[in-house]
């Protein structure tokens, strides 16, 4: 799925504005991009999420693999502006907690990359090709660089978005929760990136 924002700035216009370190634009675009896609789990590290999933599966007899279920809609919002944690507010907070856990379960099951060599069996080769090339490197370029804080390259204006996990691509939690599958999400901020994605999807 490719979303194109009507009347949006061109990649070059965005880069020109990002290059100005005193501009409010640089701060705002970083804030926006960090709010719509992440490169990590919502509730902890990969190992912590895996442990939590294993505990949930062993202790909860009603556990269901979220890749095999439909998403639950959130409960209605509380309309009382002076509310002090009413039942609607508690229900919504409970839903958000469940959302984070289920989304992490989905990310763990669908988005974590595992490198493997191509099988020697003829039947497996076409079905599940490996990602390790003849030089021993992952064709998908994993593991990815961990970025503790979003950085702007002062020479090129390129944005390196905060990313806490080396074995997953960036994603949008709401999209992962709704689609229940691997959903890689990226912002196309260069002409090269736009051309590459157009070639990939066409």
Foldseek 3Di string as FASTA:
>chain_A
DDDDDPPDDALVVLLVQCLPPVDPSVVVVLVVVCQFKAAAADPDHLVVLVVVVVCCVVPPPPDDQLLPDAFDDQQDADPDPPDDCDPSNVSRVVSVVVLRSNLRSLCSVAFFDDFDAADPDPVRCVVDHGQQDPVRAGVVRFQADADCQWDQDNVRRDIDHHHHGRGGAMAGSVCCSRNSHRGHDDDDSDPVSVVVVVVVVD
